[in-house]
Amino acid sequence: MKKLVLSLSFCVFFYSCGEVASGDGTGSDGVATLEHRIFASSSTHNGNLGGASGADTICQNLATAAGLSRSYEALVSTDSEDADDKLSFSGAIYIVDSSDEKTLVAGSGSELWGTDSANLTARINVDEDGNTISTTNNTWTGTNSDGGNQVGRNCSNWSSSSISDDGFYGNTDSFSATWVENNFEDCANTNRIYCVSQ
């Protein structure tokens, strides 16, 4: 009987017998294991990002330089791949400031891609170091608020810096759908990119 009581007490102490609650765990980069960190790049770039893979490299290099340990990818769409297919979400999405305080942006990927009907809970207005962005709020995305691509408005699949090509951009100062689909401009302009841990 004593063994049974001890076993039950052990399970109650750890909340469940052998199961870890979603989002719990040691985690890294300021968020729990199944959560995601998102930031806007401190650097700005014209529309020639070296393709979607080049944009991913930019994100990863910035994250590594900031001491982050996870794999990071760019939130961009191309004619052949939507951002919501490119990126995977297993939990809530957060920004993390320079004091390592995390703030919820969206409870899931579906909430992130649902800003036509409900706003984000926080602006994505910090960079990889957690510093607040105060200038150049535009971010290249080529993406609609539902995560789909803006066909033909992605700077030739992020390979062009020409004024003859257009790219769709979002805005880091927005809670609404314009966080990702604000407007478009020619690809000679320089903007940030959003980066998400995977």
Protein backbone atom coordinates (compact mmCIF):
# COMPACT_ATOMS: atom_id res chain seq x y z
CA MET A 1 0.00 0.00 0.00
CA LYS A 2 2.86 2.40 0.87
CA LYS A 3 4.48 1.69 -2.52
CA LEU A 4 1.23 2.52 -4.30
CA VAL A 5 0.86 5.82 -2.43
CA LEU A 6 4.47 6.75 -3.20
CA SER A 7 4.00 5.92 -6.89
CA LEU A 8 0.83 8.01 -7.13
CA SER A 9 2.51 10.91 -5.32
CA PHE A 10 5.44 10.75 -7.75
CA CYS A 11 3.08 10.89 -10.74
CA VAL A 12 1.08 13.80 -9.31
CA PHE A 13 4.30 15.71 -8.61
CA PHE A 14 5.34 15.41 -12.26
CA TYR A 15 1.80 16.11 -13.49
CA SER A 16 1.52 12.83 -15.40
CA CYS A 17 3.04 9.38 -15.55
CA GLY A 18 5.60 9.50 -18.36
CA GLU A 19 3.91 12.26 -20.40
CA VAL A 20 5.20 15.77 -21.00
CA ALA A 21 2.57 18.44 -21.63
CA SER A 22 2.61 20.13 -25.02
CA GLY A 23 4.98 23.11 -25.02
CA ASP A 24 6.78 21.97 -21.85
CA GLY A 25 10.40 20.94 -21.69
CA THR A 26 13.79 22.54 -21.30
CA GLY A 27 13.64 24.33 -24.64
CA SER A 28 16.17 26.78 -26.04
CA ASP A 29 16.38 30.25 -27.58
CA GLY A 30 14.01 31.55 -24.90
CA VAL A 31 11.06 29.29 -25.76
CA ALA A 32 9.93 25.79 -24.74
CA THR A 33 10.68 22.69 -26.80
CA LEU A 34 7.53 22.70 -28.94
CA GLU A 35 7.28 26.48 -29.18
CA HIS A 36 8.74 28.71 -31.89
CA ARG A 37 10.70 31.95 -31.82
CA ILE A 38 10.12 34.51 -34.57
CA PHE A 39 12.07 37.68 -35.30
CA ALA A 40 12.59 40.26 -38.03
CA SER A 41 16.13 40.43 -39.35
CA SER A 42 18.36 43.23 -38.10
CA SER A 43 19.79 43.42 -41.63
CA THR A 44 17.97 44.77 -44.68
CA HIS A 45 18.20 43.37 -48.21
CA ASN A 46 17.05 44.11 -51.72
CA GLY A 47 14.84 41.51 -53.40
CA ASN A 48 17.75 39.32 -54.45
CA LEU A 49 17.96 37.11 -51.37
CA GLY A 50 19.59 34.26 -53.24
CA GLY A 51 16.25 32.49 -53.58
CA ALA A 52 14.24 31.09 -50.68
CA SER A 53 17.25 29.01 -49.64
CA GLY A 54 19.41 32.13 -49.57
CA ALA A 55 16.83 33.80 -47.33
CA ASP A 56 17.02 30.78 -45.02
CA THR A 57 20.80 31.17 -44.90
CA ILE A 58 20.46 34.83 -43.94
CA CYS A 59 18.14 33.86 -41.09
CA GLN A 60 20.40 31.08 -39.87
CA ASN A 61 23.53 33.23 -39.98
CA LEU A 62 21.82 35.99 -38.00
CA ALA A 63 20.48 33.52 -35.44
CA THR A 64 23.89 31.87 -35.00
CA ALA A 65 25.63 35.24 -34.60
CA ALA A 66 23.06 36.12 -31.90
CA GLY A 67 23.88 32.93 -29.99
CA LEU A 68 20.66 31.13 -30.90
CA SER A 69 20.95 27.37 -31.27
CA ARG A 70 17.91 26.29 -33.27
CA SER A 71 17.44 26.01 -37.01
CA TYR A 72 15.83 29.12 -38.51
CA GLU A 73 14.08 29.59 -41.84
CA ALA A 74 12.75 32.64 -43.65
CA LEU A 75 9.04 33.36 -43.87
CA VAL A 76 8.89 33.84 -47.64
CA SER A 77 6.80 32.36 -50.43
CA THR A 78 7.79 31.61 -54.02
CA ASP A 79 5.67 30.81 -57.06
CA SER A 80 6.11 27.11 -56.31
CA GLU A 81 5.99 27.06 -52.50
CA ASP A 82 3.69 28.82 -50.05
CA ALA A 83 5.10 30.00 -46.74
CA ASP A 84 2.55 27.90 -44.84
CA ASP A 85 3.91 24.79 -46.59
CA LYS A 86 7.55 25.84 -46.23
CA LEU A 87 7.33 26.34 -42.46
CA SER A 88 6.23 23.82 -39.82
CA PHE A 89 4.60 24.79 -36.52
CA SER A 90 4.17 22.42 -33.59
CA GLY A 91 3.18 24.99 -30.97
CA ALA A 92 2.81 28.64 -30.09
CA ILE A 93 4.92 31.39 -31.68
CA TYR A 94 6.71 34.03 -29.59
CA ILE A 95 8.97 37.03 -29.87
CA VAL A 96 11.75 37.28 -27.27
CA ASP A 97 13.08 40.67 -26.21
CA SER A 98 16.57 41.67 -25.11
CA SER A 99 15.67 40.87 -21.47
CA ASP A 100 14.78 37.32 -22.55
CA GLU A 101 11.09 37.99 -21.88
CA LYS A 102 8.89 36.12 -24.34
CA THR A 103 5.60 37.49 -25.66
CA LEU A 104 2.97 35.44 -27.46
CA VAL A 105 2.43 36.32 -31.12
CA ALA A 106 0.07 33.48 -32.09
CA GLY A 107 -1.06 30.30 -30.37
CA SER A 108 -0.43 28.13 -33.44
CA GLY A 109 0.43 28.20 -37.12
CA SER A 110 -3.26 28.37 -38.00
CA GLU A 111 -3.62 31.48 -35.83
CA LEU A 112 -0.57 33.04 -37.47
CA TRP A 113 -2.20 32.50 -40.88
CA GLY A 114 -5.61 33.68 -39.70
CA THR A 115 -5.11 37.43 -39.32
CA ASP A 116 -7.88 38.26 -41.79
CA SER A 117 -10.29 37.35 -38.97
CA ALA A 118 -8.23 37.80 -35.77
CA ASN A 119 -5.20 39.94 -35.01
CA LEU A 120 -1.82 38.77 -33.76
CA THR A 121 -1.47 39.17 -29.99
CA ALA A 122 1.86 41.01 -30.42
CA ARG A 123 3.76 42.74 -33.19
CA ILE A 124 6.79 40.94 -34.64
CA ASN A 125 8.93 43.98 -33.98
CA VAL A 126 12.14 42.60 -32.48
CA ASP A 127 15.29 41.35 -34.21
CA GLU A 128 17.41 38.28 -33.51
CA ASP A 129 19.05 40.00 -30.51
CA GLY A 130 15.67 40.96 -29.08
CA ASN A 131 16.15 44.63 -29.90
CA THR A 132 13.02 46.58 -30.81
CA ILE A 133 12.84 47.65 -34.45
CA SER A 134 12.25 51.37 -34.86
CA THR A 135 13.11 51.96 -38.53
CA THR A 136 12.59 50.10 -41.82
CA ASN A 137 9.50 48.23 -40.71
CA ASN A 138 8.88 46.54 -44.08
CA THR A 139 9.69 42.84 -44.45
CA TRP A 140 9.84 40.90 -47.73
CA THR A 141 7.31 38.04 -47.67
CA GLY A 142 5.65 37.44 -51.06
CA THR A 143 2.89 36.03 -48.90
CA ASN A 144 -0.84 36.49 -48.26
CA SER A 145 -2.24 36.58 -44.73
CA ASP A 146 -3.43 32.97 -45.16
CA GLY A 147 0.15 31.82 -45.81
CA GLY A 148 -0.32 31.45 -49.57
CA ASN A 149 1.91 33.07 -52.17
CA GLN A 150 1.45 36.33 -54.03
CA VAL A 151 2.15 34.95 -57.50
CA GLY A 152 4.60 37.08 -59.46
CA ARG A 153 5.25 39.43 -56.57
CA ASN A 154 8.29 37.77 -55.05
CA CYS A 155 11.19 39.50 -56.85
CA SER A 156 11.46 36.63 -59.35
CA ASN A 157 11.46 34.08 -56.55
CA TRP A 158 13.82 36.24 -54.51
CA SER A 159 16.52 36.41 -57.18
CA SER A 160 16.02 39.95 -58.51
CA SER A 161 16.95 43.44 -57.33
CA SER A 162 15.48 45.08 -60.43
CA ILE A 163 13.07 48.01 -60.38
CA SER A 164 11.17 46.08 -63.08
CA ASP A 165 10.20 43.34 -60.59
CA ASP A 166 7.89 43.59 -57.60
CA GLY A 167 7.91 42.02 -54.17
CA PHE A 168 5.14 41.85 -51.58
CA TYR A 169 6.04 42.96 -48.08
CA GLY A 170 4.60 42.99 -44.57
CA ASN A 171 5.07 45.44 -41.72
CA THR A 172 6.60 44.74 -38.30
CA ASP A 173 4.44 47.42 -36.66
CA SER A 174 1.16 45.66 -37.46
CA PHE A 175 -1.14 43.31 -35.52
CA SER A 176 -3.49 42.79 -38.47
CA ALA A 177 -3.15 41.01 -41.82
CA THR A 178 -0.72 43.72 -42.95
CA TRP A 179 1.98 42.14 -40.76
CA VAL A 180 2.58 39.88 -43.77
CA GLU A 181 0.63 41.36 -46.73
CA ASN A 182 0.89 45.12 -46.54
CA ASN A 183 1.70 46.13 -50.14
CA PHE A 184 4.25 45.61 -52.92
CA GLU A 185 7.18 47.62 -54.24
CA ASP A 186 10.05 47.22 -56.66
CA CYS A 187 12.85 44.87 -55.77
CA ALA A 188 15.57 47.52 -55.61
CA ASN A 189 14.17 48.54 -52.23
CA THR A 190 15.76 47.13 -49.08
CA ASN A 191 13.62 45.43 -46.45
CA ARG A 192 13.95 43.01 -43.56
CA ILE A 193 12.81 39.37 -43.54
CA TYR A 194 10.97 37.37 -40.89
CA CYS A 195 12.81 34.35 -39.47
CA VAL A 196 11.19 31.45 -37.59
CA SER A 197 12.70 28.61 -35.55
CA GLN A 198 11.91 25.15 -36.89
